[in-house]
Protein backbone atom coordinates (compact mmCIF):
# COMPACT_ATOMS: atom_id res chain seq x y z
CA MET A 1 -6.29 -5.13 19.23
CA ILE A 2 -7.96 -8.75 18.70
CA ASN A 3 -8.90 -9.74 22.09
CA LYS A 4 -7.09 -13.32 22.76
CA GLU A 5 -10.36 -15.36 22.82
CA LEU A 6 -10.28 -14.94 19.30
CA LEU A 7 -6.52 -15.54 18.49
CA PHE A 8 -6.92 -18.74 19.80
CA LYS A 9 -10.07 -19.37 18.07
CA ILE A 10 -8.58 -18.44 14.66
CA ALA A 11 -5.50 -20.99 15.44
CA GLN A 12 -7.32 -23.58 16.22
CA ASP A 13 -9.50 -23.85 13.59
CA TYR A 14 -6.63 -22.34 10.81
CA GLY A 15 -3.92 -23.08 12.23
CA THR A 16 -0.39 -20.68 11.79
CA PRO A 17 0.77 -18.76 10.69
CA THR A 18 -2.88 -16.86 9.49
CA TYR A 19 -3.11 -13.32 8.36
CA ILE A 20 -5.92 -11.60 10.80
CA TYR A 21 -7.82 -8.16 8.80
CA LYS A 22 -10.24 -6.11 11.13
CA LEU A 23 -12.50 -4.16 8.45
CA GLU A 24 -13.54 -2.16 11.05
CA HIS A 25 -10.13 -0.12 11.34
CA ILE A 26 -10.23 -0.13 7.11
CA GLN A 27 -13.55 2.00 7.83
CA ASN A 28 -11.79 4.39 10.62
CA ASN A 29 -8.96 5.15 7.71
CA ILE A 30 -11.32 6.10 5.23
CA ASN A 31 -13.26 8.05 7.57
CA LYS A 32 -10.55 9.91 8.55
CA LEU A 33 -9.16 10.32 5.67
CA MET A 34 -12.65 12.11 4.06
CA GLN A 35 -12.97 13.91 7.68
CA TYR A 36 -9.85 15.85 6.12
CA LEU A 37 -10.07 15.73 2.38
CA PRO A 38 -13.96 15.57 2.13
CA THR A 39 -13.69 16.22 -1.85
CA ALA A 40 -11.43 13.97 -2.42
CA GLN A 41 -11.14 11.32 -4.89
CA ILE A 42 -9.69 8.15 -3.27
CA LEU A 43 -8.17 5.34 -4.96
CA TYR A 44 -7.05 2.92 -3.26
CA ALA A 45 -3.59 1.46 -4.50
CA VAL A 46 -4.48 -2.09 -4.78
CA LYS A 47 -1.06 -3.35 -4.50
CA ALA A 48 -1.31 -3.07 -0.84
CA ASN A 49 -3.05 -5.76 -0.23
CA PRO A 50 -5.35 -7.33 -3.03
CA ASN A 51 -7.28 -9.32 -1.15
CA GLY A 52 -10.72 -10.26 -2.42
CA ALA A 53 -12.76 -9.31 0.69
CA ILE A 54 -10.88 -6.02 1.73
CA LEU A 55 -11.69 -4.88 -2.31
CA LYS A 56 -15.21 -5.66 -2.07
CA PHE A 57 -15.73 -3.27 1.39
CA LEU A 58 -13.41 -0.60 -0.11
CA ALA A 59 -16.36 -0.72 -3.14
CA GLN A 60 -19.04 -0.54 -0.74
CA ASN A 61 -17.60 2.64 0.55
CA LYS A 62 -17.46 4.32 -2.77
CA VAL A 63 -13.10 3.99 -2.87
CA GLY A 64 -11.87 3.73 -6.36
CA ALA A 65 -8.75 1.73 -7.20
CA GLU A 66 -5.20 2.67 -8.34
CA VAL A 67 -3.77 -0.82 -10.23
CA ILE A 68 -0.75 -1.29 -12.04
CA SER A 69 -1.04 -5.37 -13.26
CA MET A 70 -3.66 -7.27 -15.44
CA GLY A 71 -4.52 -9.16 -12.56
CA GLU A 72 -4.82 -5.81 -10.14
CA LEU A 73 -7.84 -4.64 -12.28
CA GLN A 74 -9.28 -7.48 -12.63
CA ARG A 75 -9.30 -8.37 -8.74
CA ALA A 76 -10.73 -4.65 -9.22
CA LEU A 77 -13.69 -5.07 -11.47
CA ALA A 78 -14.79 -8.74 -9.98
CA ALA A 79 -14.65 -6.89 -6.76
CA GLY A 80 -17.38 -4.40 -8.38
CA LEU A 81 -15.30 -1.48 -8.21
CA SER A 82 -16.88 0.76 -10.50
CA PRO A 83 -14.54 1.11 -14.04
CA GLU A 84 -15.31 5.11 -13.50
CA ASN A 85 -13.09 5.05 -10.44
CA ILE A 86 -10.17 3.31 -11.43
CA SER A 87 -6.67 4.43 -12.71
CA LEU A 88 -3.76 2.47 -14.54
CA ASP A 89 -1.04 3.70 -12.89
CA GLY A 90 2.95 2.16 -13.10
CA PRO A 91 5.86 1.18 -15.51
CA ARG A 92 3.87 -1.38 -17.36
CA GLN A 93 0.92 -0.26 -19.51
CA ASP A 94 2.25 -3.16 -21.84
CA PRO A 95 -0.49 -3.39 -24.77
CA GLU A 96 -2.40 -5.89 -23.37
CA LEU A 97 -3.11 -4.42 -20.01
CA ILE A 98 -4.01 -0.83 -22.46
CA GLU A 99 -6.18 -2.80 -24.13
CA ALA A 100 -8.14 -4.91 -21.24
CA ALA A 101 -7.86 -1.30 -19.79
CA ILE A 102 -9.50 0.89 -22.52
CA LYS A 103 -12.00 -2.96 -22.71
CA ALA A 104 -12.67 -2.46 -19.34
CA GLY A 105 -13.78 1.24 -19.59
CA ILE A 106 -11.66 2.96 -16.66
CA LYS A 107 -11.17 6.54 -16.75
CA TRP A 108 -8.06 7.80 -15.56
CA VAL A 109 -4.41 6.59 -16.67
CA SER A 110 -0.89 7.66 -15.19
CA LEU A 111 1.47 7.95 -17.40
CA ASP A 112 4.89 7.41 -16.25
CA SER A 113 7.05 7.57 -19.37
CA MET A 114 7.34 9.08 -22.84
CA SER A 115 7.66 5.50 -24.04
CA GLN A 116 4.52 4.46 -22.32
CA TRP A 117 2.73 7.73 -23.72
CA GLN A 118 3.95 6.78 -27.72
CA LEU A 119 2.71 3.02 -27.21
CA TRP A 120 -0.96 4.70 -26.43
CA GLN A 121 -1.06 6.39 -29.93
CA ASN A 122 -2.01 2.83 -31.17
CA PHE A 123 -5.03 2.30 -29.11
CA GLU A 124 -8.64 5.14 -29.37
CA HIS A 125 -8.06 6.68 -26.00
CA SER A 126 -9.97 9.87 -26.95
CA LYS A 127 -12.23 8.89 -23.81
CA LEU A 128 -9.52 8.99 -21.12
CA LYS A 129 -7.85 11.62 -19.55
CA PHE A 130 -4.16 11.24 -18.84
CA PHE A 131 -2.04 12.19 -15.76
CA ILE A 132 1.07 12.56 -16.13
CA ARG A 133 3.47 11.30 -13.62
CA LEU A 134 6.49 14.09 -12.48
CA ASN A 135 9.38 12.30 -11.29
CA PRO A 136 10.26 15.65 -8.84
CA ALA A 137 13.56 14.52 -8.22
CA LEU A 138 14.20 15.31 -4.80
CA ASP A 139 15.21 12.91 -1.41
CA PRO A 140 12.23 11.68 0.06
CA LYS A 141 13.75 11.08 3.36
CA THR A 142 12.25 7.20 3.75
CA HIS A 143 14.08 3.83 2.57
CA PRO A 144 15.47 3.80 -0.06
CA HIS A 145 14.03 1.39 -1.81
CA LEU A 146 10.33 3.24 -0.72
CA SER A 147 11.90 6.78 -2.81
CA THR A 148 10.20 6.25 -5.65
CA GLY A 149 10.66 10.14 -5.93
CA ALA A 150 14.54 10.23 -5.66
CA ALA A 151 16.30 11.25 -9.03
CA GLU A 152 17.62 8.01 -9.81
CA SER A 153 14.18 6.26 -9.42
CA LYS A 154 12.73 4.45 -12.38
CA PHE A 155 9.39 6.05 -11.88
CA GLY A 156 7.99 9.34 -13.58
CA MET A 157 9.41 11.60 -16.32
CA THR A 158 11.87 14.03 -16.17
CA LEU A 159 10.53 17.84 -16.06
CA ALA A 160 11.72 18.22 -20.16
CA GLU A 161 9.36 15.35 -20.54
CA THR A 162 6.18 16.11 -18.31
CA GLU A 163 6.85 19.60 -20.67
CA LEU A 164 6.41 18.03 -23.74
CA VAL A 165 3.51 15.23 -23.26
CA ALA A 166 1.50 17.78 -21.42
CA ALA A 167 1.79 19.99 -24.38
CA ASP A 168 0.26 17.47 -26.05
CA LEU A 169 -2.46 16.16 -24.06
CA LYS A 170 -3.82 19.74 -23.31
CA ALA A 171 -3.68 21.04 -27.06
CA LYS A 172 -6.13 17.23 -27.09
CA GLY A 173 -8.00 18.46 -24.28
CA GLN A 174 -7.02 14.88 -22.55
CA LEU A 175 -4.83 16.13 -19.74
CA ALA A 176 -5.93 15.36 -16.38
CA GLY A 177 -3.13 16.70 -14.63
CA PHE A 178 -0.27 15.87 -12.64
CA HIS A 179 0.53 13.42 -10.60
CA VAL A 180 3.88 12.89 -7.83
CA HIS A 181 4.62 10.10 -5.22
CA ALA A 182 7.35 10.91 -3.71
CA GLY A 183 7.60 7.69 -1.63
CA SER A 184 6.39 5.33 0.94
CA GLN A 185 6.16 5.82 5.10
CA ILE A 186 6.58 9.62 4.00
CA SER A 187 6.08 11.80 7.34
CA ASP A 188 8.51 15.09 6.61
CA PHE A 189 5.91 17.43 5.47
CA ALA A 190 8.93 19.31 3.59
CA VAL A 191 8.99 16.63 1.34
CA TYR A 192 5.45 17.66 0.01
CA ASP A 193 6.11 21.48 0.30
CA GLU A 194 8.90 20.48 -2.58
CA VAL A 195 6.87 18.58 -5.08
CA LEU A 196 4.21 21.17 -4.75
CA ALA A 197 6.44 23.88 -5.59
CA ARG A 198 7.86 21.67 -9.06
CA LEU A 199 4.11 20.82 -9.75
CA LYS A 200 2.58 24.77 -9.32
CA PRO A 201 4.95 26.10 -12.66
CA LEU A 202 3.12 22.91 -14.56
CA PHE A 203 -0.72 23.74 -13.28
CA THR A 204 0.08 27.55 -14.33
CA LYS A 205 1.63 26.82 -17.45
CA TYR A 206 -0.65 23.88 -18.82
CA GLY A 207 -3.75 23.83 -16.54
CA GLY A 208 -5.42 20.49 -15.23
CA GLU A 209 -8.23 19.57 -13.16
CA TYR A 210 -6.67 17.18 -10.67
CA ILE A 211 -3.87 17.04 -8.87
CA ASN A 212 -2.76 13.57 -8.41
CA ILE A 213 -0.61 13.60 -4.99
CA GLY A 214 -0.30 9.28 -4.85
CA GLY A 215 -0.03 7.74 -1.32
CA GLY A 216 3.04 6.87 1.19
CA PHE A 217 1.87 8.50 4.53
CA HIS A 218 3.81 7.65 7.33
CA VAL A 219 1.74 4.40 9.31
CA PRO A 220 0.98 4.74 12.15
CA ASP A 221 1.46 8.34 12.63
CA PHE A 222 0.67 10.61 10.00
CA ASP A 223 -0.58 14.32 10.28
CA PHE A 224 -3.65 14.45 7.92
CA LYS A 225 -4.54 17.26 9.40
CA ALA A 226 -1.32 19.13 8.29
CA PHE A 227 -0.98 17.46 5.66
CA ALA A 228 -4.88 18.51 4.62
CA LYS A 229 -3.86 21.83 5.30
CA ILE A 230 -1.24 21.77 2.57
CA MET A 231 -3.16 19.83 0.23
CA ASN A 232 -6.42 22.10 0.45
CA ASP A 233 -4.69 25.64 0.36
CA PHE A 234 -2.58 24.63 -2.90
CA SER A 235 -6.06 22.63 -4.61
CA ASP A 236 -8.26 25.88 -3.73
CA ASP A 237 -5.04 28.47 -5.04
CA LEU A 238 -5.44 27.06 -8.90
CA GLY A 239 -9.01 25.58 -8.55
CA LEU A 240 -7.58 21.92 -8.53
CA LYS A 241 -9.69 18.80 -7.17
CA ILE A 242 -7.13 16.41 -4.98
CA VAL A 243 -6.70 12.52 -6.20
CA THR A 244 -4.81 10.94 -3.64
CA GLU A 245 -4.11 6.83 -3.71
CA PRO A 246 -3.43 5.34 -0.33
CA GLY A 247 -2.34 1.87 0.04
CA ARG A 248 -0.61 1.26 3.26
CA TYR A 249 -2.59 4.03 5.36
CA LEU A 250 -5.91 2.63 4.36
CA VAL A 251 -5.46 -1.26 5.75
CA ALA A 252 -1.56 -1.63 7.41
CA ASP A 253 -3.38 -1.13 11.03
CA SER A 254 -6.08 -3.08 10.10
CA GLY A 255 -4.32 -6.42 9.89
CA PHE A 256 -2.54 -8.81 11.91
CA LEU A 257 0.00 -12.28 11.47
CA LEU A 258 -0.81 -14.73 13.81
CA THR A 259 2.29 -17.24 14.04
CA LYS A 260 3.29 -19.61 16.42
CA VAL A 261 6.52 -20.19 18.38
CA LEU A 262 8.41 -23.92 17.39
CA HIS A 263 11.51 -23.39 19.34
CA SER A 264 13.20 -20.76 22.19
CA LYS A 265 16.96 -20.94 22.05
CA THR A 266 19.12 -18.81 24.58
CA GLY A 267 22.46 -17.82 24.13
CA SER A 268 24.21 -14.55 23.75
CA LEU A 269 21.29 -13.60 21.68
CA ASN A 270 17.88 -15.37 22.37
CA HIS A 271 15.93 -16.57 19.32
CA LEU A 272 12.27 -17.32 19.48
CA ILE A 273 12.14 -19.64 16.13
CA CYS A 274 8.53 -19.08 14.62
CA ASP A 275 5.98 -20.66 12.18
CA ALA A 276 6.29 -17.14 10.37
CA GLY A 277 9.05 -15.71 8.59
CA MET A 278 9.92 -13.71 5.38
CA ALA A 279 7.92 -15.92 3.05
CA ASP A 280 5.01 -14.87 5.10
CA LEU A 281 6.49 -10.99 6.18
CA ILE A 282 9.34 -9.49 3.87
CA ARG A 283 9.24 -6.20 5.13
CA PRO A 284 11.26 -6.74 7.99
CA ALA A 285 13.83 -8.31 5.77
CA LEU A 286 13.34 -6.05 2.74
CA TYR A 287 12.91 -2.51 4.19
CA ASN A 288 13.82 -2.83 7.80
CA GLY A 289 10.14 -2.28 8.54
CA VAL A 290 9.55 -2.31 11.99
CA HIS A 291 6.10 -4.17 13.35
CA PRO A 292 4.73 -4.84 16.74
CA ILE A 293 4.80 -7.97 18.11
CA LYS A 294 2.98 -9.39 20.93
CA ALA A 295 2.62 -12.40 23.08
CA VAL A 296 -0.98 -13.39 23.23
CA SER A 297 -1.09 -14.59 26.64
CA LYS A 298 1.48 -14.52 28.52
CA SER A 299 2.84 -11.11 29.98
CA GLU A 300 5.55 -12.05 32.67
CA ASN A 301 9.36 -13.07 32.99
CA LEU A 302 10.06 -10.24 30.25
CA THR A 303 13.14 -11.03 27.98
CA LEU A 304 14.72 -9.66 24.97
CA TYR A 305 14.41 -11.75 22.08
CA ASP A 306 15.00 -11.90 18.33
CA VAL A 307 12.03 -13.12 17.14
CA ASP A 308 12.92 -15.50 13.43
CA GLY A 309 11.59 -16.97 11.03
CA PRO A 310 11.89 -20.83 10.66
CA LEU A 311 13.79 -20.89 7.09
CA CYS A 312 17.77 -21.04 6.26
CA GLU A 313 18.48 -17.47 5.91
CA ASN A 314 20.07 -15.08 8.68
CA ALA A 315 18.18 -12.37 6.89
CA ASP A 316 14.75 -14.53 8.19
CA ARG A 317 14.08 -12.38 10.95
CA LEU A 318 10.85 -10.84 11.78
CA ALA A 319 12.20 -8.14 14.55
CA ARG A 320 15.40 -8.22 16.58
CA ALA A 321 15.98 -7.22 20.69
CA VAL A 322 12.32 -7.42 21.25
CA SER A 323 10.90 -7.33 25.03
CA LEU A 324 8.66 -10.73 25.24
CA PRO A 325 7.59 -13.22 28.11
CA GLU A 326 9.30 -15.80 28.44
CA LEU A 327 8.15 -18.33 25.81
CA GLU A 328 8.15 -21.50 24.86
CA SER A 329 7.10 -23.93 21.92
CA GLY A 330 3.16 -23.88 20.73
CA ASP A 331 3.08 -19.88 22.38
CA LEU A 332 0.90 -17.68 19.74
CA LEU A 333 2.75 -14.16 18.90
CA VAL A 334 0.63 -11.90 17.45
CA ILE A 335 2.34 -9.24 14.75
CA SER A 336 0.43 -5.59 13.91
CA GLN A 337 0.66 -3.60 11.32
CA ALA A 338 0.60 -6.12 8.84
CA GLY A 339 -1.62 -5.56 6.19
CA ALA A 340 -0.44 -3.74 4.30
CA TYR A 341 2.39 -5.50 1.75
CA GLY A 342 2.19 -8.59 4.04
CA PHE A 343 0.33 -11.65 2.44
CA THR A 344 0.80 -9.83 -1.52
CA MET A 345 4.63 -9.88 -1.11
CA SER A 346 5.03 -13.60 0.08
CA SER A 347 6.02 -16.37 -1.44
CA ASN A 348 7.33 -20.25 -1.44
CA TYR A 349 10.54 -19.64 -0.87
CA ALA A 350 11.74 -22.99 0.47
CA SER A 351 8.59 -24.36 -0.49
CA SER A 352 6.96 -23.06 2.10
CA PHE A 353 3.12 -22.33 1.53
CA ARG A 354 1.38 -19.08 2.09
CA PRO A 355 -0.90 -18.44 4.63
CA ALA A 356 -4.75 -18.40 5.66
CA GLU A 357 -6.38 -15.48 5.34
CA VAL A 358 -9.02 -14.50 8.09
CA VAL A 359 -11.73 -11.44 8.12
CA ILE A 360 -13.30 -10.22 11.17
CA ASP A 361 -16.48 -8.14 10.98
CA ASN A 362 -18.46 -7.25 13.59
CA ASN A 363 -16.64 -9.97 16.12
CA GLU A 364 -17.78 -12.73 13.28
CA ILE A 365 -14.75 -14.52 11.64
CA LYS A 366 -15.13 -15.34 7.79
CA LEU A 367 -12.07 -17.66 6.16
CA VAL A 368 -11.63 -15.65 2.76
CA LYS A 369 -8.53 -17.43 1.41
CA LYS A 370 -7.45 -21.01 2.72
CA ARG A 371 -3.84 -21.92 3.78
CA GLU A 372 -2.03 -23.36 0.67
């Protein structure tokens, strides 16, 4: 958490709503991941939070990047991430992006479709290694919008397609391995057992140097010790190296959204109308995402509130039935676990201005993006 003196100072200096990121939290998460998977190649999913200060910090810690767009590729390179530690993933991979990735000298590509592989034939790609993303066609036991490994998902190739491309890449000596990202906020380890059961015959038949297990680790309580045992046993058995692409896990708990109460309304439901809402943090509206919310200064006379945004949308809500002190206009709230898919998914809906972003590094506050 952040002490209230710093929160008051941020509100005074930069206004609200403002996103705040604590770099020490990211460092702790990197350390934990490396503790349990010490030989794994970590590729940060830039989509989770592409803030330049965070990308530079990750580059300093020798973390690589997983990018899915031209903008993410440019941001990763500008932040100093080595092209040797960048993988191009995702459904896009159009000619312009492919050309830019080749020119940059990236190391890996994860193929999401047969169509992508056919398009790559128009480019000189002999120096690249390719993962094939398999759609495992399973139930990831998470929110439908996050179930990227479900059979009806748009992501990955069927088993038959995977085998066709694998045979081609093996013959060319360019098969890095196989890739599955089953979904996000995964907490049921039976999902990983199913994924590995689908991948083992592919590695046995076609070989490969790496298993790319994607990311999607449940925040805040993912059991990395148990996960590491599953992955290390599998990789050791087949002589594979592990690649993982965490986004949320590395940055979610580093982020806080500071917001101010504009109005308090009482009735059958008590409402706090805040200056932050779905234009700033859309996860509660989009995914039913739950974020811890606390009052910055008050602690007495607890009341149940819905915490709402300022827009004319019934879905413009940050939380429902949260126990908070009796609050009034001008009081501050801090929303935790907001470092992933927060600002990066914000919008100008209703001509809203997107918030400022600040970084806290050793208790020093740095403005890294001005409020619009």
